Amino acid sequence: MREAVHISERPAPGPDPQELLVRVARGDQDAFTRLYDHISGPVFGLVLRVLRDPAQSEEVAQEVLVEVWRTAPRFQPSRGSAMNWVLTLAHRRAVDRVRSAEASTAREHRAALLDRTPDFDQVTEQVESRLEREQVRRCLRTLSELQRESVTLAYYRGLTYREVGELLSVPLGTVKTRLRDGLIRLRDCLGVTA
C-alpha cells in the first residue's frame, strides 16, 4: 500500500521589495507597480495609525508612494530593508502632517488674536518688514555657500536636519555644524543679542 504524498500548498512568495526598489531606482515602472501593490497597504495602515483620519491618510499615503518613486535612487540596501525605508518615509510624512495641522491651528489662533488688536500703521509695517527681509538677505549672503544651503533648506523649506543631510549628501553631524555656525553668523550680522 502506497502512502499518499501531500504537497504543501504554499502561496508563491511575494515580490522582494528590496529588489523591486532597486529596479524602481533605475526607472522601472513595472517594478514600481509591483512594489506599489506590495507596500501600499502597510503604508496606509501606518499613516492611518498616526493621523486617525482616513481621508487625510489616503492623501498622505499617496504622497509617500510618489516620494518612493522620486527618491528610490537614495535607497541604500546596506543601511536597512526596503520596507523599513518606505515605512520610515511614511512615518515622517504622517508626523509632518500632524505638525503642519498643529501649526495651522496655532496660526489661526494667533490670527484670531490679531483681529482683536488695535489697528496699526500699515505702511510703516510694510516698510519695516521689507527692510528686515532685505537685512536677512544681506546677512545670508555673508554665509558660506554650504551654510547658506543648509540654513535655507532647514528654515525656509522646512526640512529636518536628516533630510538636509540626505539632500546634500553629507552626514548629519556636518549638517548640524553648518547650521550652528551659519546661525551664529546670522545672529552676529543681524545684531541679535543672545
N, C-alpha and C. Protein backbone atom coordinates (compact mmCIF):
# COMPACT_ATOMS: atom_id res chain seq x y z
N MET A 1 0.83 -1.18 0.00
CA MET A 1 0.00 0.00 0.00
C MET A 1 0.88 1.24 0.00
N ARG A 2 0.58 2.11 -0.91
CA ARG A 2 1.35 3.34 -1.03
C ARG A 2 0.70 4.44 -0.21
N GLU A 3 1.57 5.23 0.41
CA GLU A 3 1.05 6.38 1.14
C GLU A 3 0.91 7.55 0.17
N ALA A 4 -0.14 8.28 0.37
CA ALA A 4 -0.33 9.47 -0.48
C ALA A 4 0.69 10.53 -0.09
N VAL A 5 1.30 11.09 -1.06
CA VAL A 5 2.28 12.15 -0.81
C VAL A 5 1.52 13.48 -0.84
N HIS A 6 1.66 14.21 0.25
CA HIS A 6 0.97 15.51 0.34
C HIS A 6 1.96 16.61 0.01
N ILE A 7 1.59 17.37 -0.93
CA ILE A 7 2.42 18.53 -1.29
C ILE A 7 1.79 19.73 -0.60
N SER A 8 2.61 20.37 0.22
CA SER A 8 2.05 21.53 0.91
C SER A 8 1.83 22.65 -0.09
N GLU A 9 0.68 23.22 0.04
CA GLU A 9 0.35 24.30 -0.88
C GLU A 9 0.74 25.63 -0.25
N ARG A 10 1.89 26.08 -0.61
CA ARG A 10 2.35 27.37 -0.12
C ARG A 10 2.09 28.41 -1.20
N PRO A 11 1.67 29.56 -0.78
CA PRO A 11 1.48 30.59 -1.80
C PRO A 11 2.84 30.98 -2.36
N ALA A 12 2.80 31.36 -3.60
CA ALA A 12 4.05 31.81 -4.23
C ALA A 12 4.59 32.99 -3.43
N PRO A 13 5.89 33.00 -3.18
CA PRO A 13 6.44 34.11 -2.40
C PRO A 13 6.17 35.44 -3.09
N GLY A 14 5.90 36.44 -2.28
CA GLY A 14 5.62 37.77 -2.82
C GLY A 14 6.88 38.38 -3.41
N PRO A 15 6.72 39.49 -4.06
CA PRO A 15 7.89 40.14 -4.66
C PRO A 15 8.85 40.62 -3.57
N ASP A 16 10.11 40.61 -3.89
CA ASP A 16 11.13 41.08 -2.95
C ASP A 16 11.19 42.60 -3.04
N PRO A 17 10.72 43.29 -1.99
CA PRO A 17 10.69 44.77 -2.04
C PRO A 17 12.07 45.36 -2.30
N GLN A 18 13.10 44.73 -1.76
CA GLN A 18 14.46 45.24 -1.92
C GLN A 18 14.83 45.27 -3.41
N GLU A 19 14.59 44.14 -4.07
CA GLU A 19 14.92 44.03 -5.49
C GLU A 19 14.07 45.00 -6.31
N LEU A 20 12.77 45.05 -5.97
CA LEU A 20 11.88 45.96 -6.71
C LEU A 20 12.31 47.41 -6.55
N LEU A 21 12.70 47.81 -5.34
CA LEU A 21 13.10 49.19 -5.10
C LEU A 21 14.37 49.54 -5.87
N VAL A 22 15.28 48.60 -5.96
CA VAL A 22 16.50 48.83 -6.74
C VAL A 22 16.13 49.02 -8.21
N ARG A 23 15.18 48.23 -8.70
CA ARG A 23 14.74 48.38 -10.09
C ARG A 23 13.98 49.70 -10.29
N VAL A 24 13.20 50.09 -9.29
CA VAL A 24 12.48 51.38 -9.36
C VAL A 24 13.48 52.53 -9.45
N ALA A 25 14.59 52.40 -8.71
CA ALA A 25 15.62 53.45 -8.73
C ALA A 25 16.18 53.63 -10.13
N ARG A 26 16.11 52.57 -10.94
CA ARG A 26 16.58 52.66 -12.34
C ARG A 26 15.46 53.11 -13.28
N GLY A 27 14.30 53.42 -12.74
CA GLY A 27 13.20 53.94 -13.55
C GLY A 27 12.26 52.87 -14.07
N ASP A 28 12.30 51.68 -13.53
CA ASP A 28 11.46 50.57 -13.99
C ASP A 28 10.04 50.75 -13.47
N GLN A 29 9.13 51.17 -14.36
CA GLN A 29 7.75 51.44 -13.97
C GLN A 29 7.00 50.18 -13.60
N ASP A 30 7.30 49.07 -14.27
CA ASP A 30 6.65 47.81 -13.95
C ASP A 30 7.02 47.38 -12.53
N ALA A 31 8.28 47.56 -12.16
CA ALA A 31 8.72 47.23 -10.81
C ALA A 31 8.01 48.12 -9.80
N PHE A 32 7.79 49.38 -10.16
CA PHE A 32 7.09 50.29 -9.24
C PHE A 32 5.64 49.84 -9.04
N THR A 33 5.00 49.39 -10.11
CA THR A 33 3.63 48.90 -10.00
C THR A 33 3.57 47.72 -9.02
N ARG A 34 4.50 46.80 -9.14
CA ARG A 34 4.52 45.63 -8.25
C ARG A 34 4.86 46.08 -6.82
N LEU A 35 5.82 47.00 -6.69
CA LEU A 35 6.19 47.50 -5.36
C LEU A 35 5.00 48.22 -4.72
N TYR A 36 4.32 49.03 -5.51
CA TYR A 36 3.14 49.77 -5.05
C TYR A 36 2.11 48.80 -4.48
N ASP A 37 1.82 47.74 -5.24
CA ASP A 37 0.84 46.75 -4.79
C ASP A 37 1.27 46.10 -3.48
N HIS A 38 2.57 45.93 -3.30
CA HIS A 38 3.10 45.25 -2.12
C HIS A 38 3.13 46.16 -0.88
N ILE A 39 3.41 47.46 -1.07
CA ILE A 39 3.63 48.34 0.09
C ILE A 39 2.49 49.29 0.38
N SER A 40 1.55 49.47 -0.54
CA SER A 40 0.52 50.49 -0.32
C SER A 40 -0.32 50.20 0.92
N GLY A 41 -0.64 48.95 1.18
CA GLY A 41 -1.43 48.60 2.36
C GLY A 41 -0.71 48.93 3.66
N PRO A 42 0.53 48.45 3.84
CA PRO A 42 1.25 48.79 5.07
C PRO A 42 1.49 50.30 5.23
N VAL A 43 1.74 50.99 4.12
CA VAL A 43 1.96 52.44 4.21
C VAL A 43 0.69 53.12 4.70
N PHE A 44 -0.45 52.77 4.10
CA PHE A 44 -1.71 53.37 4.51
C PHE A 44 -2.00 53.05 5.98
N GLY A 45 -1.78 51.81 6.38
CA GLY A 45 -2.04 51.41 7.77
C GLY A 45 -1.22 52.22 8.76
N LEU A 46 0.07 52.41 8.47
CA LEU A 46 0.93 53.17 9.37
C LEU A 46 0.48 54.63 9.44
N VAL A 47 0.21 55.21 8.28
CA VAL A 47 -0.21 56.62 8.24
C VAL A 47 -1.54 56.80 8.98
N LEU A 48 -2.45 55.85 8.80
CA LEU A 48 -3.75 55.93 9.48
C LEU A 48 -3.59 55.86 11.00
N ARG A 49 -2.65 55.04 11.48
CA ARG A 49 -2.42 54.97 12.93
C ARG A 49 -1.92 56.31 13.47
N VAL A 50 -1.17 57.05 12.67
CA VAL A 50 -0.65 58.35 13.13
C VAL A 50 -1.71 59.44 13.01
N LEU A 51 -2.38 59.49 11.86
CA LEU A 51 -3.32 60.59 11.59
C LEU A 51 -4.73 60.35 12.11
N ARG A 52 -5.17 59.10 12.12
CA ARG A 52 -6.51 58.72 12.58
C ARG A 52 -7.63 59.35 11.74
N ASP A 53 -7.32 59.74 10.53
CA ASP A 53 -8.32 60.32 9.63
C ASP A 53 -8.14 59.63 8.28
N PRO A 54 -9.11 58.79 7.87
CA PRO A 54 -8.94 58.02 6.64
C PRO A 54 -8.69 58.87 5.40
N ALA A 55 -9.40 59.98 5.26
CA ALA A 55 -9.23 60.81 4.07
C ALA A 55 -7.83 61.41 4.00
N GLN A 56 -7.38 61.97 5.12
CA GLN A 56 -6.02 62.52 5.15
C GLN A 56 -4.98 61.42 5.00
N SER A 57 -5.27 60.27 5.56
CA SER A 57 -4.33 59.15 5.48
C SER A 57 -4.14 58.69 4.04
N GLU A 58 -5.24 58.64 3.29
CA GLU A 58 -5.13 58.27 1.87
C GLU A 58 -4.26 59.27 1.12
N GLU A 59 -4.49 60.55 1.40
CA GLU A 59 -3.72 61.60 0.73
C GLU A 59 -2.23 61.48 1.07
N VAL A 60 -1.92 61.33 2.34
CA VAL A 60 -0.53 61.23 2.77
C VAL A 60 0.11 59.95 2.23
N ALA A 61 -0.63 58.84 2.23
CA ALA A 61 -0.09 57.59 1.69
C ALA A 61 0.27 57.76 0.22
N GLN A 62 -0.59 58.44 -0.53
CA GLN A 62 -0.27 58.69 -1.95
C GLN A 62 0.98 59.55 -2.09
N GLU A 63 1.11 60.57 -1.24
CA GLU A 63 2.31 61.42 -1.27
C GLU A 63 3.56 60.57 -1.00
N VAL A 64 3.45 59.65 -0.05
CA VAL A 64 4.59 58.79 0.29
C VAL A 64 4.96 57.92 -0.91
N LEU A 65 3.97 57.34 -1.56
CA LEU A 65 4.24 56.46 -2.69
C LEU A 65 4.85 57.23 -3.86
N VAL A 66 4.43 58.46 -4.05
CA VAL A 66 5.07 59.30 -5.07
C VAL A 66 6.51 59.60 -4.66
N GLU A 67 6.71 59.86 -3.37
CA GLU A 67 8.07 60.11 -2.88
C GLU A 67 8.96 58.88 -3.06
N VAL A 68 8.41 57.69 -2.86
CA VAL A 68 9.18 56.46 -3.09
C VAL A 68 9.65 56.42 -4.54
N TRP A 69 8.77 56.73 -5.46
CA TRP A 69 9.13 56.74 -6.89
C TRP A 69 10.24 57.77 -7.16
N ARG A 70 10.07 58.98 -6.61
CA ARG A 70 11.03 60.05 -6.87
C ARG A 70 12.38 59.82 -6.19
N THR A 71 12.37 59.27 -4.99
CA THR A 71 13.61 59.19 -4.21
C THR A 71 14.19 57.78 -4.13
N ALA A 72 13.68 56.87 -4.91
CA ALA A 72 14.19 55.49 -4.88
C ALA A 72 15.71 55.42 -5.06
N PRO A 73 16.33 56.28 -5.87
CA PRO A 73 17.80 56.21 -6.00
C PRO A 73 18.53 56.48 -4.68
N ARG A 74 17.88 57.11 -3.72
CA ARG A 74 18.53 57.38 -2.43
C ARG A 74 18.55 56.15 -1.51
N PHE A 75 17.75 55.15 -1.85
CA PHE A 75 17.70 53.95 -1.01
C PHE A 75 19.05 53.25 -1.03
N GLN A 76 19.53 52.92 0.17
CA GLN A 76 20.82 52.22 0.31
C GLN A 76 20.57 50.89 1.02
N PRO A 77 20.58 49.78 0.28
CA PRO A 77 20.30 48.47 0.87
C PRO A 77 21.21 48.15 2.06
N SER A 78 22.41 48.70 2.08
CA SER A 78 23.33 48.40 3.17
C SER A 78 22.87 49.02 4.50
N ARG A 79 21.94 49.97 4.45
CA ARG A 79 21.50 50.67 5.66
C ARG A 79 20.20 50.11 6.23
N GLY A 80 19.59 49.14 5.55
CA GLY A 80 18.36 48.56 6.07
C GLY A 80 17.49 48.03 4.96
N SER A 81 16.37 47.45 5.35
CA SER A 81 15.48 46.84 4.36
C SER A 81 14.67 47.90 3.63
N ALA A 82 14.20 47.51 2.46
CA ALA A 82 13.37 48.41 1.65
C ALA A 82 12.09 48.77 2.39
N MET A 83 11.49 47.79 3.04
CA MET A 83 10.23 48.04 3.74
C MET A 83 10.44 49.04 4.88
N ASN A 84 11.53 48.89 5.63
CA ASN A 84 11.80 49.85 6.70
C ASN A 84 12.02 51.24 6.14
N TRP A 85 12.71 51.33 5.02
CA TRP A 85 12.96 52.64 4.39
C TRP A 85 11.63 53.29 4.00
N VAL A 86 10.77 52.53 3.35
CA VAL A 86 9.47 53.06 2.92
C VAL A 86 8.62 53.46 4.12
N LEU A 87 8.58 52.60 5.14
CA LEU A 87 7.76 52.91 6.31
C LEU A 87 8.31 54.10 7.10
N THR A 88 9.64 54.28 7.06
CA THR A 88 10.23 55.47 7.69
C THR A 88 9.76 56.72 6.95
N LEU A 89 9.77 56.67 5.61
CA LEU A 89 9.26 57.81 4.83
C LEU A 89 7.80 58.09 5.20
N ALA A 90 7.02 57.02 5.31
CA ALA A 90 5.59 57.18 5.62
C ALA A 90 5.39 57.79 7.01
N HIS A 91 6.15 57.31 7.97
CA HIS A 91 6.01 57.83 9.33
C HIS A 91 6.40 59.31 9.39
N ARG A 92 7.51 59.65 8.74
CA ARG A 92 7.93 61.06 8.73
C ARG A 92 6.87 61.94 8.10
N ARG A 93 6.34 61.49 6.97
CA ARG A 93 5.34 62.30 6.26
C ARG A 93 4.08 62.45 7.11
N ALA A 94 3.68 61.41 7.80
CA ALA A 94 2.48 61.48 8.65
C ALA A 94 2.72 62.43 9.83
N VAL A 95 3.89 62.32 10.45
CA VAL A 95 4.21 63.21 11.58
C VAL A 95 4.29 64.65 11.09
N ASP A 96 4.87 64.86 9.90
CA ASP A 96 4.91 66.21 9.34
C ASP A 96 3.50 66.77 9.14
N ARG A 97 2.56 65.91 8.71
CA ARG A 97 1.18 66.37 8.51
C ARG A 97 0.57 66.77 9.85
N VAL A 98 0.83 65.99 10.89
CA VAL A 98 0.31 66.33 12.23
C VAL A 98 0.89 67.67 12.67
N ARG A 99 2.20 67.82 12.51
CA ARG A 99 2.83 69.08 12.92
C ARG A 99 2.29 70.25 12.12
N SER A 100 2.08 70.04 10.83
CA SER A 100 1.54 71.09 9.98
C SER A 100 0.14 71.49 10.43
N ALA A 101 -0.67 70.51 10.77
CA ALA A 101 -2.03 70.80 11.25
C ALA A 101 -1.98 71.57 12.56
N GLU A 102 -1.06 71.16 13.45
CA GLU A 102 -0.93 71.87 14.73
C GLU A 102 -0.46 73.30 14.50
N ALA A 103 0.50 73.47 13.59
CA ALA A 103 1.00 74.82 13.30
C ALA A 103 -0.10 75.68 12.68
N SER A 104 -0.90 75.07 11.82
CA SER A 104 -2.01 75.80 11.19
C SER A 104 -3.01 76.26 12.24
N THR A 105 -3.32 75.38 13.18
CA THR A 105 -4.23 75.73 14.26
C THR A 105 -3.66 76.88 15.09
N ALA A 106 -2.36 76.79 15.37
CA ALA A 106 -1.72 77.86 16.15
C ALA A 106 -1.75 79.18 15.38
N ARG A 107 -1.50 79.12 14.06
CA ARG A 107 -1.55 80.34 13.24
C ARG A 107 -2.95 80.94 13.25
N GLU A 108 -3.96 80.08 13.11
CA GLU A 108 -5.34 80.57 13.13
C GLU A 108 -5.67 81.21 14.47
N HIS A 109 -5.16 80.61 15.55
CA HIS A 109 -5.39 81.17 16.88
C HIS A 109 -4.73 82.55 16.99
N ARG A 110 -3.48 82.63 16.51
CA ARG A 110 -2.79 83.94 16.55
C ARG A 110 -3.51 84.96 15.67
N ALA A 111 -4.00 84.50 14.52
CA ALA A 111 -4.72 85.42 13.63
C ALA A 111 -6.00 85.91 14.31
N ALA A 112 -6.66 85.03 15.01
CA ALA A 112 -7.88 85.45 15.72
C ALA A 112 -7.54 86.48 16.80
N LEU A 113 -6.41 86.27 17.47
CA LEU A 113 -6.00 87.25 18.48
C LEU A 113 -5.64 88.58 17.83
N LEU A 114 -5.03 88.52 16.66
CA LEU A 114 -4.66 89.77 15.97
C LEU A 114 -5.88 90.56 15.53
N ASP A 115 -6.97 89.84 15.23
CA ASP A 115 -8.19 90.53 14.83
C ASP A 115 -8.70 91.42 15.96
N ARG A 116 -8.33 91.09 17.18
CA ARG A 116 -8.78 91.87 18.33
C ARG A 116 -7.82 92.99 18.70
N THR A 117 -6.67 93.04 18.06
CA THR A 117 -5.70 94.08 18.40
C THR A 117 -6.04 95.38 17.68
N PRO A 118 -5.61 96.49 18.22
CA PRO A 118 -5.92 97.77 17.57
C PRO A 118 -5.21 97.88 16.22
N ASP A 119 -5.78 98.72 15.35
CA ASP A 119 -5.19 98.94 14.03
C ASP A 119 -3.79 99.53 14.17
N PHE A 120 -2.99 99.34 13.13
CA PHE A 120 -1.63 99.89 13.13
C PHE A 120 -1.40 100.57 11.80
N ASP A 121 -0.32 101.27 11.74
CA ASP A 121 0.04 101.97 10.51
C ASP A 121 0.57 100.94 9.52
N GLN A 122 -0.25 100.58 8.54
CA GLN A 122 0.08 99.51 7.60
C GLN A 122 1.30 99.86 6.76
N VAL A 123 1.45 101.09 6.34
CA VAL A 123 2.59 101.49 5.51
C VAL A 123 3.88 101.33 6.29
N THR A 124 3.89 101.78 7.55
CA THR A 124 5.08 101.64 8.38
C THR A 124 5.43 100.17 8.56
N GLU A 125 4.43 99.35 8.81
CA GLU A 125 4.65 97.91 9.00
C GLU A 125 5.25 97.29 7.74
N GLN A 126 4.74 97.66 6.56
CA GLN A 126 5.25 97.11 5.31
C GLN A 126 6.70 97.53 5.07
N VAL A 127 7.01 98.77 5.34
CA VAL A 127 8.37 99.27 5.15
C VAL A 127 9.33 98.55 6.10
N GLU A 128 8.93 98.43 7.37
CA GLU A 128 9.79 97.74 8.34
C GLU A 128 10.00 96.28 7.94
N SER A 129 8.94 95.63 7.48
CA SER A 129 9.04 94.23 7.07
C SER A 129 9.98 94.09 5.87
N ARG A 130 9.86 94.99 4.91
CA ARG A 130 10.72 94.94 3.72
C ARG A 130 12.18 95.17 4.11
N LEU A 131 12.42 96.12 5.02
CA LEU A 131 13.79 96.38 5.47
C LEU A 131 14.37 95.17 6.21
N GLU A 132 13.55 94.53 7.03
CA GLU A 132 14.01 93.34 7.75
C GLU A 132 14.35 92.21 6.78
N ARG A 133 13.49 92.00 5.79
CA ARG A 133 13.76 90.94 4.80
C ARG A 133 15.06 91.23 4.05
N GLU A 134 15.26 92.48 3.67
CA GLU A 134 16.49 92.83 2.95
C GLU A 134 17.72 92.62 3.83
N GLN A 135 17.61 92.95 5.10
CA GLN A 135 18.73 92.75 6.02
C GLN A 135 19.04 91.26 6.16
N VAL A 136 18.01 90.43 6.25
CA VAL A 136 18.22 88.98 6.33
C VAL A 136 18.88 88.47 5.06
N ARG A 137 18.40 88.93 3.89
CA ARG A 137 19.03 88.52 2.62
C ARG A 137 20.50 88.92 2.58
N ARG A 138 20.78 90.16 3.02
CA ARG A 138 22.17 90.63 3.01
C ARG A 138 23.02 89.75 3.93
N CYS A 139 22.50 89.42 5.10
CA CYS A 139 23.26 88.59 6.03
C CYS A 139 23.42 87.17 5.52
N LEU A 140 22.41 86.64 4.84
CA LEU A 140 22.53 85.31 4.25
C LEU A 140 23.68 85.25 3.23
N ARG A 141 23.88 86.37 2.52
CA ARG A 141 24.96 86.41 1.52
C ARG A 141 26.34 86.37 2.18
N THR A 142 26.42 86.66 3.48
CA THR A 142 27.73 86.62 4.15
C THR A 142 28.11 85.19 4.55
N LEU A 143 27.16 84.25 4.50
CA LEU A 143 27.44 82.87 4.87
C LEU A 143 28.17 82.16 3.74
N SER A 144 28.90 81.09 4.10
CA SER A 144 29.49 80.27 3.05
C SER A 144 28.35 79.61 2.29
N GLU A 145 28.64 79.15 1.09
CA GLU A 145 27.59 78.53 0.28
C GLU A 145 26.98 77.33 0.99
N LEU A 146 27.82 76.52 1.63
CA LEU A 146 27.33 75.32 2.33
C LEU A 146 26.43 75.70 3.51
N GLN A 147 26.82 76.74 4.25
CA GLN A 147 25.99 77.20 5.36
C GLN A 147 24.65 77.75 4.85
N ARG A 148 24.72 78.55 3.79
CA ARG A 148 23.52 79.16 3.23
C ARG A 148 22.55 78.08 2.73
N GLU A 149 23.09 77.05 2.04
CA GLU A 149 22.23 75.95 1.57
C GLU A 149 21.56 75.25 2.75
N SER A 150 22.33 74.95 3.77
CA SER A 150 21.79 74.24 4.93
C SER A 150 20.71 75.07 5.63
N VAL A 151 20.99 76.34 5.87
CA VAL A 151 20.03 77.22 6.55
C VAL A 151 18.76 77.37 5.70
N THR A 152 18.93 77.56 4.41
CA THR A 152 17.78 77.75 3.52
C THR A 152 16.90 76.50 3.51
N LEU A 153 17.51 75.32 3.39
CA LEU A 153 16.74 74.08 3.35
C LEU A 153 16.03 73.82 4.69
N ALA A 154 16.73 74.07 5.79
CA ALA A 154 16.16 73.76 7.10
C ALA A 154 15.10 74.79 7.52
N TYR A 155 15.37 76.07 7.31
CA TYR A 155 14.49 77.09 7.88
C TYR A 155 13.51 77.71 6.89
N TYR A 156 13.82 77.67 5.61
CA TYR A 156 12.89 78.24 4.64
C TYR A 156 12.08 77.17 3.94
N ARG A 157 12.65 75.96 3.75
CA ARG A 157 11.90 74.87 3.12
C ARG A 157 11.34 73.90 4.15
N GLY A 158 11.76 74.05 5.42
CA GLY A 158 11.19 73.25 6.49
C GLY A 158 11.65 71.80 6.56
N LEU A 159 12.82 71.50 5.98
CA LEU A 159 13.32 70.13 6.03
C LEU A 159 13.96 69.85 7.39
N THR A 160 13.92 68.59 7.80
CA THR A 160 14.60 68.19 9.03
C THR A 160 16.10 68.15 8.76
N TYR A 161 16.88 68.13 9.83
CA TYR A 161 18.34 68.07 9.66
C TYR A 161 18.72 66.83 8.86
N ARG A 162 18.07 65.70 9.16
CA ARG A 162 18.38 64.45 8.46
C ARG A 162 18.05 64.59 6.97
N GLU A 163 16.92 65.21 6.63
CA GLU A 163 16.54 65.40 5.24
C GLU A 163 17.53 66.33 4.53
N VAL A 164 18.00 67.35 5.23
CA VAL A 164 19.01 68.24 4.65
C VAL A 164 20.26 67.44 4.34
N GLY A 165 20.68 66.60 5.29
CA GLY A 165 21.86 65.77 5.09
C GLY A 165 21.71 64.84 3.90
N GLU A 166 20.53 64.22 3.76
CA GLU A 166 20.29 63.33 2.63
C GLU A 166 20.30 64.10 1.33
N LEU A 167 19.68 65.27 1.31
CA LEU A 167 19.60 66.06 0.09
C LEU A 167 20.98 66.54 -0.35
N LEU A 168 21.82 66.95 0.62
CA LEU A 168 23.15 67.47 0.29
C LEU A 168 24.22 66.38 0.31
N SER A 169 23.82 65.15 0.64
CA SER A 169 24.75 64.00 0.70
C SER A 169 25.89 64.24 1.68
N VAL A 170 25.53 64.71 2.87
CA VAL A 170 26.53 64.92 3.91
C VAL A 170 26.01 64.30 5.21
N PRO A 171 26.92 63.93 6.12
CA PRO A 171 26.50 63.33 7.39
C PRO A 171 25.69 64.32 8.24
N LEU A 172 24.86 63.75 9.12
CA LEU A 172 24.01 64.56 9.99
C LEU A 172 24.82 65.52 10.85
N GLY A 173 25.96 65.06 11.37
CA GLY A 173 26.81 65.92 12.20
C GLY A 173 27.30 67.14 11.44
N THR A 174 27.64 66.95 10.16
CA THR A 174 28.10 68.06 9.33
C THR A 174 26.98 69.08 9.14
N VAL A 175 25.77 68.59 8.92
CA VAL A 175 24.62 69.49 8.76
C VAL A 175 24.43 70.32 10.02
N LYS A 176 24.48 69.65 11.17
CA LYS A 176 24.29 70.36 12.43
C LYS A 176 25.36 71.42 12.64
N THR A 177 26.60 71.09 12.30
CA THR A 177 27.70 72.06 12.45
C THR A 177 27.49 73.25 11.52
N ARG A 178 27.16 72.98 10.25
CA ARG A 178 26.92 74.07 9.30
C ARG A 178 25.80 74.98 9.77
N LEU A 179 24.72 74.37 10.25
CA LEU A 179 23.59 75.18 10.71
C LEU A 179 23.96 76.01 11.93
N ARG A 180 24.64 75.39 12.88
CA ARG A 180 25.03 76.13 14.09
C ARG A 180 25.92 77.31 13.72
N ASP A 181 26.96 77.04 12.91
CA ASP A 181 27.88 78.12 12.53
C ASP A 181 27.17 79.19 11.71
N GLY A 182 26.30 78.76 10.79
CA GLY A 182 25.56 79.72 9.97
C GLY A 182 24.63 80.59 10.80
N LEU A 183 23.95 79.98 11.76
CA LEU A 183 23.03 80.76 12.61
C LEU A 183 23.78 81.72 13.51
N ILE A 184 24.95 81.32 13.98
CA ILE A 184 25.77 82.24 14.79
C ILE A 184 26.17 83.45 13.95
N ARG A 185 26.61 83.18 12.70
CA ARG A 185 27.00 84.30 11.83
C ARG A 185 25.81 85.20 11.51
N LEU A 186 24.64 84.58 11.27
CA LEU A 186 23.44 85.38 11.01
C LEU A 186 23.09 86.24 12.22
N ARG A 187 23.13 85.64 13.40
CA ARG A 187 22.81 86.38 14.63
C ARG A 187 23.73 87.58 14.77
N ASP A 188 25.05 87.36 14.56
CA ASP A 188 26.00 88.45 14.68
C ASP A 188 25.75 89.53 13.62
N CYS A 189 25.47 89.10 12.39
CA CYS A 189 25.23 90.06 11.31
C CYS A 189 23.97 90.89 11.56
N LEU A 190 22.94 90.23 12.10
CA LEU A 190 21.67 90.93 12.35
C LEU A 190 21.71 91.74 13.64
N GLY A 191 22.76 91.55 14.43
CA GLY A 191 22.88 92.30 15.68
C GLY A 191 21.94 91.83 16.76
N VAL A 192 21.58 90.55 16.71
CA VAL A 192 20.69 89.99 17.71
C VAL A 192 21.53 89.59 18.91
N THR A 193 21.08 89.96 20.09
CA THR A 193 21.83 89.58 21.30
C THR A 193 21.23 88.29 21.84
N ALA A 194 22.11 87.42 22.32
CA ALA A 194 21.66 86.11 22.81
C ALA A 194 20.94 86.21 24.12
